[in-house]
Amino acid sequence: IHKCVTIRHALSAQKLGVDIISLDGFECAGHPGEDDVGNLVLQAKGARVLTAPYVCSGGIGDGKQLVACLALGAAGVNLGTRICATQECNWPQSFKEKMVHADERQTVLMFRRLHNTARVFRNE
């Protein structure tokens, strides 16, 4: 699985023969890339131009979002942060509770000036 944050990267990965592509929209945690392309645009274009299967990554937290990703052409989704709030995850319960009670504004982008943007959970 190769992570791509733009269609040009996905096309390059496809040309090199990857088995599956993770199309990561700007909503993703970790490193969303520098082009700031959201999943509605990225997934819809992926459906038009990619022949390799791909999964949608970034901002998926429930079944409605899963269905939206499938409707946009993804073969599935990649859940990251959402899984970290499960009982099976060994992260501290206090952090899981903060995640569950957070709203959509509780992440921050850092390292933009270094061209190595990272989306992280806001803390004090």
Foldseek 3Di string as FASTA:
>chain_A
DAEDQAVVVVVVVVVVPDQEYEHEALQAAFFNAQPRHGPVVRLLVCQVPPPHAYAYEHDDADDVVQVVSVVSPHPGYDDDVNVCLDPPHPDDPVVSVCVVPDDPPQWDWPPNVVRRIGIDGDDD
